[in-house]
Amino acid sequence: MNHVQPGSFLTLHYRLSGPDGADLINTFADKPATLSLGTGELAPAMEARLIGLPEGTRRSFELAAGEAFGERNPELLQRVKRSLLSELGDPDEQYRVGDVVQFPTPDGQGAYAGVVREVADEGEVLVFDFNHPLAGRPVTFEVQLIGVL
């Protein structure tokens, strides 16, 4: 029987839920996920829980606030001018608190997301939170290891 080691290739079902118990990711009702440990597909704290587990294991782990996705960083709250948003996207877009907005990376090859936390100065400035939505919050990580290579 194979055991999970650093660099293992895994086929697994997993569920990630926040402190309210609501599922954020859940593959149990669909196709299992496949991933390689150490490539950043799972947070390091989640990968560490898998090391040493034998194929076929089903477990649930509680990860403390900040352990899975880091602590909240107040520097990741950024004010963005509406004019820049119009330049990057649809100039007629209406933004509301709670909206998730995609921004291009400086090299234009990727994207990152921010959540609107505040609309200020009569809509001319928006405050975005670029922290991971679960930063600083506890999570539950449930896993069923189907295959380990």
N, C-alpha and C. Protein backbone atom coordinates (compact mmCIF):
# COMPACT_ATOMS: atom_id res chain seq x y z
N MET A 1 0.86 -1.19 0.00
CA MET A 1 0.00 0.00 0.00
C MET A 1 0.89 1.24 0.00
N ASN A 2 0.58 2.18 -0.86
CA ASN A 2 1.37 3.41 -0.96
C ASN A 2 0.95 4.42 0.09
N HIS A 3 1.95 5.15 0.61
CA HIS A 3 1.73 6.22 1.57
C HIS A 3 2.12 7.54 0.92
N VAL A 4 1.45 8.62 1.32
CA VAL A 4 1.73 9.95 0.77
C VAL A 4 3.12 10.40 1.24
N GLN A 5 3.90 10.86 0.26
CA GLN A 5 5.24 11.39 0.52
C GLN A 5 5.36 12.74 -0.19
N PRO A 6 6.35 13.56 0.19
CA PRO A 6 6.56 14.79 -0.57
C PRO A 6 6.73 14.46 -2.05
N GLY A 7 6.04 15.18 -2.91
CA GLY A 7 6.11 14.96 -4.34
C GLY A 7 5.17 13.90 -4.87
N SER A 8 4.39 13.25 -3.99
CA SER A 8 3.45 12.22 -4.44
C SER A 8 2.41 12.81 -5.39
N PHE A 9 1.96 11.99 -6.32
CA PHE A 9 0.85 12.33 -7.20
C PHE A 9 -0.38 11.67 -6.59
N LEU A 10 -1.43 12.46 -6.35
CA LEU A 10 -2.61 11.97 -5.63
C LEU A 10 -3.88 12.06 -6.47
N THR A 11 -4.74 11.08 -6.28
CA THR A 11 -6.13 11.16 -6.72
C THR A 11 -6.93 11.12 -5.44
N LEU A 12 -7.78 12.13 -5.24
CA LEU A 12 -8.48 12.24 -3.97
C LEU A 12 -9.77 13.02 -4.11
N HIS A 13 -10.64 12.77 -3.16
CA HIS A 13 -11.79 13.65 -2.96
C HIS A 13 -11.43 14.53 -1.77
N TYR A 14 -11.85 15.78 -1.83
CA TYR A 14 -11.64 16.63 -0.66
C TYR A 14 -12.73 17.69 -0.55
N ARG A 15 -12.88 18.13 0.68
CA ARG A 15 -13.86 19.18 1.00
C ARG A 15 -13.13 20.19 1.88
N LEU A 16 -13.34 21.45 1.57
CA LEU A 16 -12.80 22.53 2.37
C LEU A 16 -13.98 23.38 2.79
N SER A 17 -14.14 23.55 4.09
CA SER A 17 -15.26 24.35 4.59
C SER A 17 -14.75 25.40 5.56
N GLY A 18 -15.46 26.51 5.59
CA GLY A 18 -15.11 27.62 6.46
C GLY A 18 -15.66 27.42 7.85
N PRO A 19 -15.49 28.42 8.71
CA PRO A 19 -15.92 28.30 10.10
C PRO A 19 -17.43 28.13 10.26
N ASP A 20 -18.20 28.53 9.25
CA ASP A 20 -19.65 28.38 9.34
C ASP A 20 -20.10 26.99 8.86
N GLY A 21 -19.13 26.16 8.40
CA GLY A 21 -19.45 24.81 7.94
C GLY A 21 -19.85 24.73 6.49
N ALA A 22 -19.99 25.87 5.82
CA ALA A 22 -20.39 25.87 4.41
C ALA A 22 -19.22 25.41 3.54
N ASP A 23 -19.52 24.57 2.56
CA ASP A 23 -18.49 24.07 1.64
C ASP A 23 -17.97 25.19 0.76
N LEU A 24 -16.65 25.27 0.64
CA LEU A 24 -16.01 26.18 -0.30
C LEU A 24 -15.58 25.41 -1.53
N ILE A 25 -15.09 24.21 -1.29
CA ILE A 25 -14.74 23.27 -2.35
C ILE A 25 -15.21 21.91 -1.88
N ASN A 26 -15.82 21.14 -2.79
CA ASN A 26 -16.28 19.81 -2.43
C ASN A 26 -16.29 18.95 -3.69
N THR A 27 -15.37 17.98 -3.76
CA THR A 27 -15.30 17.10 -4.92
C THR A 27 -16.02 15.78 -4.67
N PHE A 28 -16.55 15.54 -3.48
CA PHE A 28 -17.14 14.25 -3.15
C PHE A 28 -18.33 13.88 -4.02
N ALA A 29 -19.06 14.86 -4.53
CA ALA A 29 -20.24 14.57 -5.34
C ALA A 29 -19.93 14.53 -6.84
N ASP A 30 -18.65 14.72 -7.19
CA ASP A 30 -18.28 14.80 -8.60
C ASP A 30 -17.02 13.97 -8.82
N LYS A 31 -16.26 14.31 -9.83
CA LYS A 31 -15.02 13.61 -10.12
C LYS A 31 -13.97 13.95 -9.07
N PRO A 32 -13.11 12.99 -8.72
CA PRO A 32 -12.04 13.30 -7.77
C PRO A 32 -11.01 14.24 -8.40
N ALA A 33 -10.26 14.88 -7.54
CA ALA A 33 -9.18 15.77 -7.98
C ALA A 33 -7.90 14.97 -8.13
N THR A 34 -7.02 15.44 -8.99
CA THR A 34 -5.67 14.88 -9.11
C THR A 34 -4.69 16.03 -8.94
N LEU A 35 -3.64 15.79 -8.18
CA LEU A 35 -2.66 16.84 -7.94
C LEU A 35 -1.34 16.24 -7.48
N SER A 36 -0.30 17.04 -7.57
CA SER A 36 1.03 16.66 -7.09
C SER A 36 1.36 17.50 -5.87
N LEU A 37 1.83 16.84 -4.83
CA LEU A 37 2.23 17.58 -3.63
C LEU A 37 3.46 18.42 -3.93
N GLY A 38 3.50 19.60 -3.34
CA GLY A 38 4.65 20.48 -3.50
C GLY A 38 4.57 21.43 -4.67
N THR A 39 3.47 21.41 -5.40
CA THR A 39 3.33 22.30 -6.56
C THR A 39 2.46 23.52 -6.27
N GLY A 40 1.97 23.64 -5.03
CA GLY A 40 1.17 24.79 -4.66
C GLY A 40 -0.31 24.64 -4.92
N GLU A 41 -0.75 23.44 -5.31
CA GLU A 41 -2.18 23.24 -5.56
C GLU A 41 -2.98 23.21 -4.26
N LEU A 42 -2.33 22.79 -3.19
CA LEU A 42 -2.93 22.83 -1.85
C LEU A 42 -2.04 23.69 -0.97
N ALA A 43 -2.63 24.32 0.03
CA ALA A 43 -1.85 25.10 0.99
C ALA A 43 -0.87 24.17 1.71
N PRO A 44 0.33 24.65 2.03
CA PRO A 44 1.32 23.81 2.71
C PRO A 44 0.80 23.13 3.97
N ALA A 45 -0.04 23.81 4.75
CA ALA A 45 -0.58 23.21 5.98
C ALA A 45 -1.48 22.01 5.66
N MET A 46 -2.19 22.06 4.54
CA MET A 46 -3.03 20.93 4.14
C MET A 46 -2.16 19.79 3.64
N GLU A 47 -1.15 20.12 2.83
CA GLU A 47 -0.24 19.08 2.34
C GLU A 47 0.43 18.37 3.51
N ALA A 48 0.85 19.12 4.53
CA ALA A 48 1.54 18.52 5.68
C ALA A 48 0.65 17.49 6.38
N ARG A 49 -0.66 17.72 6.40
CA ARG A 49 -1.58 16.77 7.04
C ARG A 49 -1.66 15.45 6.27
N LEU A 50 -1.36 15.49 4.97
CA LEU A 50 -1.47 14.30 4.13
C LEU A 50 -0.24 13.40 4.19
N ILE A 51 0.93 13.97 4.49
CA ILE A 51 2.17 13.21 4.50
C ILE A 51 2.06 12.02 5.46
N GLY A 52 2.39 10.86 4.94
CA GLY A 52 2.38 9.63 5.74
C GLY A 52 1.08 8.86 5.72
N LEU A 53 0.00 9.46 5.21
CA LEU A 53 -1.29 8.76 5.19
C LEU A 53 -1.28 7.67 4.11
N PRO A 54 -1.85 6.51 4.41
CA PRO A 54 -1.92 5.45 3.40
C PRO A 54 -3.08 5.67 2.44
N GLU A 55 -2.89 5.14 1.23
CA GLU A 55 -3.95 5.13 0.23
C GLU A 55 -5.21 4.53 0.84
N GLY A 56 -6.37 5.13 0.53
CA GLY A 56 -7.64 4.63 1.06
C GLY A 56 -8.11 5.35 2.31
N THR A 57 -7.26 6.16 2.91
CA THR A 57 -7.60 6.88 4.14
C THR A 57 -8.66 7.94 3.88
N ARG A 58 -9.58 8.08 4.83
CA ARG A 58 -10.51 9.21 4.83
C ARG A 58 -10.41 9.86 6.20
N ARG A 59 -10.07 11.17 6.20
CA ARG A 59 -9.87 11.91 7.45
C ARG A 59 -10.37 13.33 7.32
N SER A 60 -10.57 13.93 8.46
CA SER A 60 -10.96 15.34 8.54
C SER A 60 -9.99 16.04 9.48
N PHE A 61 -9.52 17.21 9.09
CA PHE A 61 -8.56 17.98 9.87
C PHE A 61 -9.11 19.38 10.13
N GLU A 62 -8.91 19.86 11.34
CA GLU A 62 -9.26 21.24 11.67
C GLU A 62 -7.97 22.06 11.60
N LEU A 63 -7.99 23.12 10.82
CA LEU A 63 -6.82 23.99 10.71
C LEU A 63 -7.17 25.31 11.40
N ALA A 64 -6.28 25.73 12.28
CA ALA A 64 -6.51 26.94 13.09
C ALA A 64 -6.56 28.19 12.21
N ALA A 65 -7.15 29.23 12.76
CA ALA A 65 -7.23 30.52 12.06
C ALA A 65 -5.85 30.92 11.57
N GLY A 66 -5.75 31.23 10.30
CA GLY A 66 -4.50 31.68 9.70
C GLY A 66 -3.57 30.56 9.26
N GLU A 67 -3.81 29.34 9.69
CA GLU A 67 -2.89 28.25 9.36
C GLU A 67 -2.94 27.87 7.88
N ALA A 68 -4.10 27.78 7.30
CA ALA A 68 -4.22 27.34 5.91
C ALA A 68 -3.94 28.45 4.90
N PHE A 69 -4.43 29.65 5.17
CA PHE A 69 -4.33 30.73 4.18
C PHE A 69 -3.67 31.99 4.73
N GLY A 70 -2.95 31.86 5.82
CA GLY A 70 -2.24 32.99 6.40
C GLY A 70 -3.15 33.92 7.18
N GLU A 71 -2.51 34.85 7.84
CA GLU A 71 -3.25 35.87 8.58
C GLU A 71 -3.69 36.98 7.62
N ARG A 72 -4.70 37.72 8.03
CA ARG A 72 -5.14 38.86 7.22
C ARG A 72 -4.05 39.94 7.27
N ASN A 73 -3.78 40.53 6.13
CA ASN A 73 -2.77 41.57 6.01
C ASN A 73 -3.46 42.88 5.70
N PRO A 74 -3.43 43.84 6.63
CA PRO A 74 -4.12 45.12 6.38
C PRO A 74 -3.55 45.88 5.19
N GLU A 75 -2.32 45.59 4.79
CA GLU A 75 -1.74 46.25 3.62
C GLU A 75 -2.36 45.77 2.32
N LEU A 76 -3.12 44.67 2.38
CA LEU A 76 -3.79 44.17 1.17
C LEU A 76 -5.18 44.78 0.99
N LEU A 77 -5.51 45.77 1.80
CA LEU A 77 -6.69 46.61 1.56
C LEU A 77 -6.19 47.81 0.77
N GLN A 78 -6.64 47.95 -0.47
CA GLN A 78 -6.11 48.97 -1.36
C GLN A 78 -7.23 49.83 -1.95
N ARG A 79 -6.95 51.12 -2.03
CA ARG A 79 -7.88 52.05 -2.67
C ARG A 79 -7.56 52.10 -4.17
N VAL A 80 -8.59 51.95 -5.00
CA VAL A 80 -8.41 51.95 -6.45
C VAL A 80 -9.36 52.98 -7.04
N LYS A 81 -8.82 53.85 -7.88
CA LYS A 81 -9.64 54.89 -8.51
C LYS A 81 -10.56 54.25 -9.54
N ARG A 82 -11.76 54.76 -9.60
CA ARG A 82 -12.75 54.30 -10.57
C ARG A 82 -12.23 54.46 -11.99
N SER A 83 -11.44 55.51 -12.25
CA SER A 83 -10.91 55.73 -13.59
C SER A 83 -10.01 54.57 -14.02
N LEU A 84 -9.25 53.98 -13.10
CA LEU A 84 -8.40 52.84 -13.43
C LEU A 84 -9.26 51.62 -13.75
N LEU A 85 -10.32 51.42 -12.98
CA LEU A 85 -11.23 50.30 -13.24
C LEU A 85 -11.88 50.44 -14.62
N SER A 86 -12.25 51.66 -14.98
CA SER A 86 -12.85 51.90 -16.30
C SER A 86 -11.85 51.60 -17.40
N GLU A 87 -10.59 51.95 -17.15
CA GLU A 87 -9.54 51.71 -18.13
C GLU A 87 -9.27 50.20 -18.31
N LEU A 88 -9.33 49.45 -17.22
CA LEU A 88 -9.03 48.01 -17.26
C LEU A 88 -10.21 47.16 -17.70
N GLY A 89 -11.42 47.69 -17.56
CA GLY A 89 -12.59 46.87 -17.85
C GLY A 89 -13.70 47.66 -18.49
N ASP A 90 -14.92 47.33 -18.12
CA ASP A 90 -16.12 47.96 -18.66
C ASP A 90 -16.34 49.29 -17.94
N PRO A 91 -16.29 50.42 -18.67
CA PRO A 91 -16.47 51.72 -18.02
C PRO A 91 -17.87 51.92 -17.44
N ASP A 92 -18.84 51.11 -17.87
CA ASP A 92 -20.21 51.24 -17.36
C ASP A 92 -20.52 50.29 -16.21
N GLU A 93 -19.53 49.49 -15.81
CA GLU A 93 -19.73 48.51 -14.73
C GLU A 93 -20.11 49.22 -13.43
N GLN A 94 -21.09 48.67 -12.74
CA GLN A 94 -21.50 49.19 -11.44
C GLN A 94 -20.95 48.25 -10.36
N TYR A 95 -20.17 48.78 -9.44
CA TYR A 95 -19.54 47.96 -8.40
C TYR A 95 -20.27 48.14 -7.08
N ARG A 96 -20.44 47.00 -6.39
CA ARG A 96 -21.11 47.00 -5.09
C ARG A 96 -20.24 46.27 -4.07
N VAL A 97 -20.41 46.60 -2.82
CA VAL A 97 -19.70 45.91 -1.75
C VAL A 97 -19.98 44.41 -1.86
N GLY A 98 -18.91 43.62 -1.82
CA GLY A 98 -19.02 42.17 -1.93
C GLY A 98 -18.70 41.65 -3.31
N ASP A 99 -18.68 42.51 -4.34
CA ASP A 99 -18.33 42.06 -5.69
C ASP A 99 -16.88 41.60 -5.74
N VAL A 100 -16.64 40.55 -6.50
CA VAL A 100 -15.28 40.07 -6.74
C VAL A 100 -14.87 40.54 -8.13
N VAL A 101 -13.72 41.20 -8.20
CA VAL A 101 -13.25 41.79 -9.44
C VAL A 101 -11.88 41.20 -9.78
N GLN A 102 -11.71 40.79 -11.04
CA GLN A 102 -10.44 40.26 -11.52
C GLN A 102 -9.57 41.40 -12.04
N PHE A 103 -8.30 41.35 -11.67
CA PHE A 103 -7.31 42.33 -12.14
C PHE A 103 -6.21 41.58 -12.88
N PRO A 104 -5.69 42.15 -13.97
CA PRO A 104 -4.58 41.49 -14.66
C PRO A 104 -3.28 41.67 -13.87
N THR A 105 -2.41 40.66 -13.94
CA THR A 105 -1.09 40.81 -13.33
C THR A 105 -0.29 41.80 -14.17
N PRO A 106 0.76 42.39 -13.60
CA PRO A 106 1.53 43.39 -14.36
C PRO A 106 2.06 42.88 -15.69
N ASP A 107 2.38 41.58 -15.78
CA ASP A 107 2.89 41.04 -17.04
C ASP A 107 1.77 40.66 -18.01
N GLY A 108 0.51 40.78 -17.57
CA GLY A 108 -0.63 40.47 -18.42
C GLY A 108 -0.86 38.99 -18.66
N GLN A 109 -0.08 38.13 -18.02
CA GLN A 109 -0.18 36.69 -18.24
C GLN A 109 -1.15 36.00 -17.29
N GLY A 110 -1.56 36.67 -16.23
CA GLY A 110 -2.44 36.05 -15.25
C GLY A 110 -3.43 37.05 -14.70
N ALA A 111 -4.08 36.65 -13.62
CA ALA A 111 -5.06 37.53 -12.98
C ALA A 111 -5.07 37.26 -11.48
N TYR A 112 -5.55 38.21 -10.73
CA TYR A 112 -5.77 38.04 -9.30
C TYR A 112 -7.07 38.76 -8.97
N ALA A 113 -7.66 38.38 -7.85
CA ALA A 113 -8.99 38.91 -7.53
C ALA A 113 -8.96 39.75 -6.27
N GLY A 114 -9.85 40.71 -6.23
CA GLY A 114 -10.07 41.54 -5.05
C GLY A 114 -11.56 41.65 -4.81
N VAL A 115 -11.92 41.78 -3.54
CA VAL A 115 -13.33 41.92 -3.15
C VAL A 115 -13.58 43.39 -2.79
N VAL A 116 -14.64 43.96 -3.34
CA VAL A 116 -15.00 45.34 -3.01
C VAL A 116 -15.47 45.38 -1.56
N ARG A 117 -14.78 46.17 -0.73
CA ARG A 117 -15.16 46.32 0.68
C ARG A 117 -15.85 47.65 0.95
N GLU A 118 -15.59 48.64 0.08
CA GLU A 118 -16.17 49.96 0.31
C GLU A 118 -16.20 50.73 -1.00
N VAL A 119 -17.27 51.48 -1.23
CA VAL A 119 -17.36 52.41 -2.35
C VAL A 119 -17.33 53.79 -1.71
N ALA A 120 -16.28 54.58 -2.03
CA ALA A 120 -16.06 55.86 -1.35
C ALA A 120 -16.04 57.00 -2.35
N ASP A 121 -16.02 58.21 -1.82
CA ASP A 121 -15.92 59.43 -2.63
C ASP A 121 -16.91 59.44 -3.79
N GLU A 122 -18.19 59.16 -3.44
CA GLU A 122 -19.28 59.16 -4.42
C GLU A 122 -19.01 58.23 -5.60
N GLY A 123 -18.41 57.08 -5.30
CA GLY A 123 -18.17 56.07 -6.33
C GLY A 123 -16.89 56.26 -7.11
N GLU A 124 -16.11 57.29 -6.79
CA GLU A 124 -14.88 57.55 -7.53
C GLU A 124 -13.69 56.72 -7.03
N VAL A 125 -13.82 56.14 -5.84
CA VAL A 125 -12.77 55.29 -5.27
C VAL A 125 -13.43 54.05 -4.67
N LEU A 126 -12.81 52.89 -4.93
CA LEU A 126 -13.28 51.65 -4.33
C LEU A 126 -12.16 51.08 -3.48
N VAL A 127 -12.52 50.53 -2.32
CA VAL A 127 -11.54 49.87 -1.47
C VAL A 127 -11.67 48.38 -1.72
N PHE A 128 -10.55 47.76 -2.15
CA PHE A 128 -10.52 46.33 -2.44
C PHE A 128 -9.73 45.60 -1.37
N ASP A 129 -10.18 44.39 -1.07
CA ASP A 129 -9.47 43.50 -0.16
C ASP A 129 -8.86 42.40 -1.01
N PHE A 130 -7.52 42.35 -1.04
CA PHE A 130 -6.82 41.35 -1.83
C PHE A 130 -6.34 40.17 -0.98
N ASN A 131 -6.77 40.10 0.27
CA ASN A 131 -6.49 38.94 1.11
C ASN A 131 -7.29 37.75 0.58
N HIS A 132 -6.77 36.54 0.81
CA HIS A 132 -7.55 35.34 0.51
C HIS A 132 -8.82 35.42 1.36
N PRO A 133 -9.97 35.02 0.82
CA PRO A 133 -11.22 35.12 1.61
C PRO A 133 -11.17 34.38 2.95
N LEU A 134 -10.33 33.36 3.07
CA LEU A 134 -10.24 32.61 4.33
C LEU A 134 -9.00 32.96 5.15
N ALA A 135 -8.28 34.01 4.76
CA ALA A 135 -7.12 34.43 5.55
C ALA A 135 -7.59 34.79 6.96
N GLY A 136 -6.87 34.27 7.94
CA GLY A 136 -7.19 34.58 9.33
C GLY A 136 -8.40 33.84 9.88
N ARG A 137 -8.89 32.84 9.14
CA ARG A 137 -10.09 32.11 9.58
C ARG A 137 -9.77 30.62 9.68
N PRO A 138 -10.40 29.92 10.61
CA PRO A 138 -10.20 28.48 10.69
C PRO A 138 -10.94 27.77 9.56
N VAL A 139 -10.41 26.63 9.12
CA VAL A 139 -11.06 25.84 8.07
C VAL A 139 -11.02 24.36 8.45
N THR A 140 -11.93 23.61 7.85
CA THR A 140 -11.94 22.16 7.99
C THR A 140 -11.58 21.57 6.62
N PHE A 141 -10.63 20.64 6.65
CA PHE A 141 -10.14 19.98 5.44
C PHE A 141 -10.43 18.50 5.59
N GLU A 142 -11.35 17.99 4.77
CA GLU A 142 -11.69 16.57 4.78
C GLU A 142 -11.15 15.97 3.50
N VAL A 143 -10.55 14.78 3.61
CA VAL A 143 -9.92 14.16 2.45
C VAL A 143 -10.17 12.66 2.43
N GLN A 144 -10.32 12.11 1.23
CA GLN A 144 -10.36 10.67 1.01
C GLN A 144 -9.32 10.38 -0.08
N LEU A 145 -8.27 9.68 0.30
CA LEU A 145 -7.18 9.35 -0.64
C LEU A 145 -7.58 8.13 -1.45
N ILE A 146 -7.76 8.32 -2.75
CA ILE A 146 -8.16 7.23 -3.64
C ILE A 146 -6.92 6.53 -4.20
N GLY A 147 -5.94 7.31 -4.62
CA GLY A 147 -4.74 6.74 -5.19
C GLY A 147 -3.53 7.58 -4.85
N VAL A 148 -2.40 6.90 -4.61
CA VAL A 148 -1.14 7.58 -4.28
C VAL A 148 -0.04 6.98 -5.17
N LEU A 149 0.60 7.81 -5.94
CA LEU A 149 1.73 7.37 -6.78
C LEU A 149 2.98 8.12 -6.41
